[in-house]
Amino acid sequence: MQNKQQGFTLIELIVVIVILGILAATALPRFFDLRSDAATAATNGVAGALSSASTINYSARLARQANGGSTAGTNAVATCGDVTTSLQGGLPVGYAVLTPATAVAANTAVTCTVSSTATPTTSQNFTAMGIA
């Protein structure tokens, strides 16, 4: 009668476990830093939303002024903080817009900074368009 092997040997199982352990040891540190990556991505998203809101507000207000119509529904932007009123729902909780020392001149783009107030703190620049 022939002896047939039924499953894996102990050595084969130990080798597989060791290989899995090595893979886990090299991959695990990459997952620990996800919180800071997520905070940076969220701040980048808020900065992008502020930049887009500023551009849309600027274009709509400029078009309405050129046609002699009412500027209702648009906002005058004289500081970086004025851009937050153009965001639907306002600036998200946990973020602050840092204004530069000078005011935003009409029809001029200026670089502003949005910063998260939660830990870890991150900041990102965005462009604000000034308009009276």
N, C-alpha and C. Protein backbone atom coordinates (compact mmCIF):
# COMPACT_ATOMS: atom_id res chain seq x y z
N MET A 1 0.83 -1.17 0.00
CA MET A 1 0.00 0.00 0.00
C MET A 1 0.88 1.24 0.00
N GLN A 2 0.49 2.23 -0.83
CA GLN A 2 1.25 3.47 -0.93
C GLN A 2 0.77 4.48 0.09
N ASN A 3 1.71 5.25 0.61
CA ASN A 3 1.39 6.31 1.57
C ASN A 3 1.16 7.61 0.80
N LYS A 4 -0.06 8.13 0.87
CA LYS A 4 -0.39 9.38 0.19
C LYS A 4 -0.34 10.53 1.18
N GLN A 5 0.19 11.65 0.71
CA GLN A 5 0.29 12.83 1.57
C GLN A 5 -1.07 13.51 1.64
N GLN A 6 -1.51 13.85 2.83
CA GLN A 6 -2.81 14.48 3.05
C GLN A 6 -2.62 15.87 3.66
N GLY A 7 -2.30 16.89 2.88
CA GLY A 7 -2.15 18.24 3.40
C GLY A 7 -0.71 18.71 3.36
N PHE A 8 -0.44 19.74 4.17
CA PHE A 8 0.89 20.36 4.18
C PHE A 8 1.71 19.83 5.34
N THR A 9 3.02 19.86 5.15
CA THR A 9 3.91 19.46 6.24
C THR A 9 4.09 20.64 7.19
N LEU A 10 4.59 20.36 8.35
CA LEU A 10 4.81 21.39 9.36
C LEU A 10 5.82 22.42 8.86
N ILE A 11 6.84 22.00 8.17
CA ILE A 11 7.86 22.91 7.62
C ILE A 11 7.23 23.87 6.61
N GLU A 12 6.37 23.37 5.75
CA GLU A 12 5.72 24.23 4.76
C GLU A 12 4.86 25.29 5.44
N LEU A 13 4.13 24.91 6.47
CA LEU A 13 3.30 25.87 7.20
C LEU A 13 4.14 26.92 7.90
N ILE A 14 5.25 26.53 8.49
CA ILE A 14 6.13 27.49 9.17
C ILE A 14 6.73 28.47 8.16
N VAL A 15 7.12 27.99 6.99
CA VAL A 15 7.69 28.87 5.96
C VAL A 15 6.65 29.90 5.52
N VAL A 16 5.42 29.48 5.32
CA VAL A 16 4.35 30.41 4.93
C VAL A 16 4.12 31.45 6.02
N ILE A 17 4.10 31.04 7.27
CA ILE A 17 3.89 31.97 8.38
C ILE A 17 5.04 32.97 8.46
N VAL A 18 6.26 32.54 8.26
CA VAL A 18 7.42 33.43 8.30
C VAL A 18 7.33 34.45 7.16
N ILE A 19 6.98 34.00 5.98
CA ILE A 19 6.84 34.92 4.83
C ILE A 19 5.75 35.95 5.09
N LEU A 20 4.61 35.51 5.62
CA LEU A 20 3.53 36.45 5.96
C LEU A 20 3.98 37.44 7.04
N GLY A 21 4.76 36.98 8.00
CA GLY A 21 5.27 37.87 9.04
C GLY A 21 6.20 38.93 8.48
N ILE A 22 7.05 38.55 7.55
CA ILE A 22 7.96 39.51 6.92
C ILE A 22 7.18 40.54 6.11
N LEU A 23 6.19 40.08 5.36
CA LEU A 23 5.36 41.01 4.58
C LEU A 23 4.60 41.97 5.49
N ALA A 24 4.07 41.47 6.60
CA ALA A 24 3.33 42.32 7.52
C ALA A 24 4.26 43.34 8.19
N ALA A 25 5.47 42.93 8.52
CA ALA A 25 6.41 43.84 9.17
C ALA A 25 6.84 44.97 8.24
N THR A 26 6.91 44.71 6.95
CA THR A 26 7.30 45.77 6.01
C THR A 26 6.12 46.64 5.62
N ALA A 27 4.91 46.12 5.61
CA ALA A 27 3.74 46.89 5.19
C ALA A 27 3.10 47.67 6.33
N LEU A 28 3.20 47.20 7.54
CA LEU A 28 2.53 47.81 8.68
C LEU A 28 2.92 49.27 8.93
N PRO A 29 4.17 49.65 8.88
CA PRO A 29 4.51 51.06 9.12
C PRO A 29 3.87 52.02 8.12
N ARG A 30 3.56 51.58 6.94
CA ARG A 30 2.93 52.45 5.95
C ARG A 30 1.51 52.83 6.37
N PHE A 31 0.84 52.00 7.14
CA PHE A 31 -0.53 52.26 7.55
C PHE A 31 -0.61 53.16 8.79
N PHE A 32 0.46 53.30 9.53
CA PHE A 32 0.45 54.14 10.71
C PHE A 32 0.38 55.62 10.37
N ASP A 33 0.86 56.02 9.19
CA ASP A 33 0.92 57.42 8.84
C ASP A 33 -0.31 57.87 8.05
N LEU A 34 -1.36 57.10 8.02
CA LEU A 34 -2.54 57.45 7.24
C LEU A 34 -3.26 58.67 7.80
N ARG A 35 -3.18 58.91 9.09
CA ARG A 35 -3.90 60.04 9.68
C ARG A 35 -3.37 61.37 9.15
N SER A 36 -2.06 61.51 9.09
CA SER A 36 -1.49 62.76 8.58
C SER A 36 -1.76 62.92 7.09
N ASP A 37 -1.72 61.82 6.35
CA ASP A 37 -2.04 61.88 4.93
C ASP A 37 -3.50 62.29 4.72
N ALA A 38 -4.39 61.78 5.53
CA ALA A 38 -5.81 62.12 5.43
C ALA A 38 -6.03 63.58 5.79
N ALA A 39 -5.35 64.08 6.81
CA ALA A 39 -5.49 65.49 7.20
C ALA A 39 -4.98 66.41 6.10
N THR A 40 -3.88 66.05 5.47
CA THR A 40 -3.34 66.84 4.37
C THR A 40 -4.29 66.84 3.18
N ALA A 41 -4.85 65.69 2.86
CA ALA A 41 -5.80 65.61 1.75
C ALA A 41 -7.06 66.41 2.02
N ALA A 42 -7.55 66.38 3.25
CA ALA A 42 -8.74 67.15 3.60
C ALA A 42 -8.47 68.65 3.49
N THR A 43 -7.32 69.10 3.96
CA THR A 43 -6.96 70.51 3.87
C THR A 43 -6.79 70.92 2.41
N ASN A 44 -6.21 70.07 1.60
CA ASN A 44 -6.10 70.36 0.16
C ASN A 44 -7.47 70.49 -0.48
N GLY A 45 -8.41 69.67 -0.06
CA GLY A 45 -9.77 69.74 -0.58
C GLY A 45 -10.45 71.05 -0.20
N VAL A 46 -10.28 71.48 1.04
CA VAL A 46 -10.87 72.75 1.48
C VAL A 46 -10.24 73.91 0.72
N ALA A 47 -8.92 73.87 0.53
CA ALA A 47 -8.24 74.93 -0.22
C ALA A 47 -8.73 74.97 -1.67
N GLY A 48 -8.91 73.82 -2.27
CA GLY A 48 -9.43 73.77 -3.64
C GLY A 48 -10.85 74.32 -3.73
N ALA A 49 -11.67 74.00 -2.73
CA ALA A 49 -13.05 74.51 -2.70
C ALA A 49 -13.05 76.03 -2.55
N LEU A 50 -12.18 76.55 -1.69
CA LEU A 50 -12.09 78.01 -1.51
C LEU A 50 -11.63 78.70 -2.79
N SER A 51 -10.65 78.14 -3.46
CA SER A 51 -10.16 78.72 -4.70
C SER A 51 -11.24 78.71 -5.78
N SER A 52 -11.95 77.60 -5.89
CA SER A 52 -13.04 77.50 -6.88
C SER A 52 -14.17 78.46 -6.54
N ALA A 53 -14.54 78.54 -5.26
CA ALA A 53 -15.61 79.44 -4.85
C ALA A 53 -15.24 80.89 -5.15
N SER A 54 -13.98 81.23 -4.93
CA SER A 54 -13.52 82.59 -5.20
C SER A 54 -13.61 82.91 -6.70
N THR A 55 -13.19 81.98 -7.52
CA THR A 55 -13.22 82.19 -8.97
C THR A 55 -14.65 82.29 -9.49
N ILE A 56 -15.52 81.43 -9.02
CA ILE A 56 -16.92 81.46 -9.46
C ILE A 56 -17.59 82.76 -9.00
N ASN A 57 -17.34 83.15 -7.77
CA ASN A 57 -17.90 84.40 -7.25
C ASN A 57 -17.39 85.59 -8.05
N TYR A 58 -16.10 85.61 -8.34
CA TYR A 58 -15.50 86.71 -9.11
C TYR A 58 -16.12 86.80 -10.50
N SER A 59 -16.23 85.67 -11.17
CA SER A 59 -16.79 85.65 -12.53
C SER A 59 -18.25 86.09 -12.54
N ALA A 60 -19.04 85.57 -11.62
CA ALA A 60 -20.46 85.92 -11.57
C ALA A 60 -20.64 87.40 -11.24
N ARG A 61 -19.89 87.90 -10.29
CA ARG A 61 -20.02 89.31 -9.90
C ARG A 61 -19.57 90.23 -11.03
N LEU A 62 -18.46 89.88 -11.68
CA LEU A 62 -17.95 90.69 -12.80
C LEU A 62 -18.94 90.70 -13.95
N ALA A 63 -19.55 89.56 -14.26
CA ALA A 63 -20.52 89.49 -15.35
C ALA A 63 -21.76 90.32 -15.02
N ARG A 64 -22.21 90.27 -13.79
CA ARG A 64 -23.39 91.04 -13.40
C ARG A 64 -23.10 92.54 -13.40
N GLN A 65 -21.90 92.92 -12.99
CA GLN A 65 -21.53 94.33 -13.01
C GLN A 65 -21.41 94.84 -14.45
N ALA A 66 -20.87 94.03 -15.34
CA ALA A 66 -20.69 94.44 -16.73
C ALA A 66 -22.03 94.63 -17.43
N ASN A 67 -23.02 93.86 -17.02
CA ASN A 67 -24.34 93.96 -17.64
C ASN A 67 -25.23 94.97 -16.91
N GLY A 68 -24.70 95.66 -15.93
CA GLY A 68 -25.45 96.66 -15.20
C GLY A 68 -26.52 96.08 -14.30
N GLY A 69 -26.44 94.80 -14.02
CA GLY A 69 -27.45 94.14 -13.18
C GLY A 69 -27.07 94.16 -11.72
N SER A 70 -27.93 93.57 -10.94
CA SER A 70 -27.72 93.48 -9.50
C SER A 70 -26.64 92.45 -9.20
N THR A 71 -25.85 92.73 -8.19
CA THR A 71 -24.81 91.78 -7.77
C THR A 71 -25.30 90.88 -6.63
N ALA A 72 -26.61 90.80 -6.48
CA ALA A 72 -27.18 89.94 -5.43
C ALA A 72 -26.77 88.49 -5.67
N GLY A 73 -26.46 87.81 -4.61
CA GLY A 73 -26.05 86.42 -4.71
C GLY A 73 -24.55 86.25 -4.87
N THR A 74 -23.84 87.36 -4.96
CA THR A 74 -22.38 87.31 -5.02
C THR A 74 -21.83 88.12 -3.86
N ASN A 75 -20.55 87.99 -3.60
CA ASN A 75 -19.94 88.64 -2.44
C ASN A 75 -18.76 89.51 -2.87
N ALA A 76 -18.65 90.68 -2.27
CA ALA A 76 -17.46 91.50 -2.44
C ALA A 76 -16.33 90.83 -1.67
N VAL A 77 -15.14 90.78 -2.24
CA VAL A 77 -14.00 90.13 -1.60
C VAL A 77 -12.89 91.16 -1.43
N ALA A 78 -12.63 91.55 -0.19
CA ALA A 78 -11.57 92.51 0.12
C ALA A 78 -10.47 91.87 0.97
N THR A 79 -10.76 90.70 1.56
CA THR A 79 -9.77 89.96 2.35
C THR A 79 -9.90 88.47 2.03
N CYS A 80 -8.92 87.71 2.43
CA CYS A 80 -8.98 86.26 2.20
C CYS A 80 -10.16 85.65 2.94
N GLY A 81 -10.49 86.18 4.10
CA GLY A 81 -11.59 85.65 4.89
C GLY A 81 -12.94 85.84 4.22
N ASP A 82 -13.07 86.85 3.34
CA ASP A 82 -14.34 87.09 2.65
C ASP A 82 -14.70 85.96 1.69
N VAL A 83 -13.73 85.18 1.28
CA VAL A 83 -13.98 84.08 0.34
C VAL A 83 -14.86 83.02 0.99
N THR A 84 -14.77 82.87 2.31
CA THR A 84 -15.52 81.81 3.00
C THR A 84 -17.03 82.01 2.86
N THR A 85 -17.49 83.25 2.64
CA THR A 85 -18.92 83.48 2.47
C THR A 85 -19.41 82.97 1.12
N SER A 86 -18.49 82.71 0.21
CA SER A 86 -18.86 82.18 -1.10
C SER A 86 -19.03 80.67 -1.08
N LEU A 87 -18.54 80.01 -0.03
CA LEU A 87 -18.70 78.55 0.09
C LEU A 87 -20.10 78.22 0.56
N GLN A 88 -20.73 77.27 -0.10
CA GLN A 88 -22.04 76.82 0.35
C GLN A 88 -21.86 76.14 1.69
N GLY A 89 -22.55 76.63 2.71
CA GLY A 89 -22.40 76.08 4.05
C GLY A 89 -21.27 76.71 4.84
N GLY A 90 -20.50 77.60 4.22
CA GLY A 90 -19.41 78.27 4.91
C GLY A 90 -18.18 77.39 5.06
N LEU A 91 -17.21 77.91 5.77
CA LEU A 91 -15.97 77.19 6.01
C LEU A 91 -16.23 76.02 6.95
N PRO A 92 -15.72 74.82 6.61
CA PRO A 92 -15.94 73.67 7.49
C PRO A 92 -15.38 73.89 8.88
N VAL A 93 -15.98 73.25 9.87
CA VAL A 93 -15.52 73.34 11.24
C VAL A 93 -14.11 72.74 11.32
N GLY A 94 -13.24 73.40 12.04
CA GLY A 94 -11.87 72.90 12.21
C GLY A 94 -10.89 73.52 11.24
N TYR A 95 -11.30 74.53 10.50
CA TYR A 95 -10.41 75.20 9.55
C TYR A 95 -10.48 76.70 9.77
N ALA A 96 -9.38 77.37 9.47
CA ALA A 96 -9.31 78.83 9.58
C ALA A 96 -8.56 79.37 8.38
N VAL A 97 -9.00 80.52 7.88
CA VAL A 97 -8.32 81.18 6.77
C VAL A 97 -7.37 82.21 7.36
N LEU A 98 -6.10 82.10 6.99
CA LEU A 98 -5.10 83.04 7.45
C LEU A 98 -4.98 84.15 6.41
N THR A 99 -5.21 85.37 6.82
CA THR A 99 -5.21 86.48 5.87
C THR A 99 -3.82 87.10 5.81
N PRO A 100 -3.40 87.51 4.59
CA PRO A 100 -2.12 88.22 4.51
C PRO A 100 -2.25 89.61 5.11
N ALA A 101 -1.12 90.26 5.32
CA ALA A 101 -1.11 91.58 5.95
C ALA A 101 -1.82 92.63 5.10
N THR A 102 -1.79 92.48 3.78
CA THR A 102 -2.42 93.46 2.91
C THR A 102 -3.79 92.97 2.48
N ALA A 103 -4.66 93.90 2.16
CA ALA A 103 -6.00 93.56 1.68
C ALA A 103 -5.91 93.09 0.23
N VAL A 104 -6.94 92.39 -0.21
CA VAL A 104 -7.01 91.92 -1.58
C VAL A 104 -7.52 93.07 -2.45
N ALA A 105 -6.73 93.50 -3.41
CA ALA A 105 -7.15 94.59 -4.29
C ALA A 105 -8.14 94.06 -5.31
N ALA A 106 -9.02 94.95 -5.77
CA ALA A 106 -10.03 94.57 -6.76
C ALA A 106 -9.36 94.09 -8.04
N ASN A 107 -9.94 93.04 -8.64
CA ASN A 107 -9.46 92.44 -9.88
C ASN A 107 -8.02 91.95 -9.79
N THR A 108 -7.63 91.51 -8.61
CA THR A 108 -6.28 91.01 -8.39
C THR A 108 -6.35 89.67 -7.66
N ALA A 109 -5.48 88.77 -8.07
CA ALA A 109 -5.39 87.47 -7.39
C ALA A 109 -4.34 87.56 -6.29
N VAL A 110 -4.64 86.97 -5.16
CA VAL A 110 -3.70 86.95 -4.04
C VAL A 110 -3.66 85.53 -3.47
N THR A 111 -2.51 85.14 -2.97
CA THR A 111 -2.37 83.81 -2.38
C THR A 111 -2.71 83.90 -0.89
N CYS A 112 -3.67 83.09 -0.48
CA CYS A 112 -4.10 83.02 0.92
C CYS A 112 -3.80 81.61 1.43
N THR A 113 -3.93 81.43 2.72
CA THR A 113 -3.65 80.13 3.33
C THR A 113 -4.82 79.70 4.20
N VAL A 114 -5.21 78.43 4.05
CA VAL A 114 -6.20 77.83 4.94
C VAL A 114 -5.45 76.81 5.79
N SER A 115 -5.81 76.75 7.08
CA SER A 115 -5.12 75.88 8.01
C SER A 115 -6.14 75.09 8.82
N SER A 116 -5.81 73.84 9.10
CA SER A 116 -6.68 73.05 9.97
C SER A 116 -6.30 73.34 11.41
N THR A 117 -7.29 73.36 12.27
CA THR A 117 -7.02 73.62 13.69
C THR A 117 -6.96 72.34 14.50
N ALA A 118 -7.27 71.22 13.87
CA ALA A 118 -7.23 69.92 14.56
C ALA A 118 -5.82 69.33 14.46
N THR A 119 -5.55 68.35 15.28
CA THR A 119 -4.25 67.68 15.25
C THR A 119 -4.32 66.52 14.29
N PRO A 120 -3.42 66.32 13.39
CA PRO A 120 -2.25 67.14 13.10
C PRO A 120 -2.64 68.37 12.28
N THR A 121 -2.03 69.49 12.56
CA THR A 121 -2.35 70.72 11.84
C THR A 121 -1.66 70.69 10.48
N THR A 122 -2.42 71.09 9.48
CA THR A 122 -1.89 71.19 8.13
C THR A 122 -2.36 72.50 7.53
N SER A 123 -1.66 72.97 6.53
CA SER A 123 -2.08 74.20 5.86
C SER A 123 -1.82 74.07 4.37
N GLN A 124 -2.59 74.84 3.60
CA GLN A 124 -2.48 74.80 2.14
C GLN A 124 -2.83 76.18 1.60
N ASN A 125 -2.15 76.58 0.55
CA ASN A 125 -2.43 77.86 -0.10
C ASN A 125 -3.58 77.73 -1.09
N PHE A 126 -4.30 78.83 -1.27
CA PHE A 126 -5.33 78.91 -2.31
C PHE A 126 -5.31 80.32 -2.87
N THR A 127 -5.93 80.50 -4.02
CA THR A 127 -5.95 81.80 -4.68
C THR A 127 -7.30 82.47 -4.47
N ALA A 128 -7.27 83.72 -4.03
CA ALA A 128 -8.48 84.49 -3.85
C ALA A 128 -8.48 85.64 -4.86
N MET A 129 -9.61 85.87 -5.48
CA MET A 129 -9.76 86.96 -6.44
C MET A 129 -10.51 88.10 -5.77
N GLY A 130 -9.89 89.27 -5.70
CA GLY A 130 -10.53 90.43 -5.10
C GLY A 130 -11.48 91.09 -6.06
N ILE A 131 -12.64 91.51 -5.56
CA ILE A 131 -13.61 92.22 -6.38
C ILE A 131 -14.49 93.07 -5.46
N ALA A 132 -14.78 94.27 -5.94
CA ALA A 132 -15.61 95.19 -5.13
C ALA A 132 -17.07 94.94 -5.38
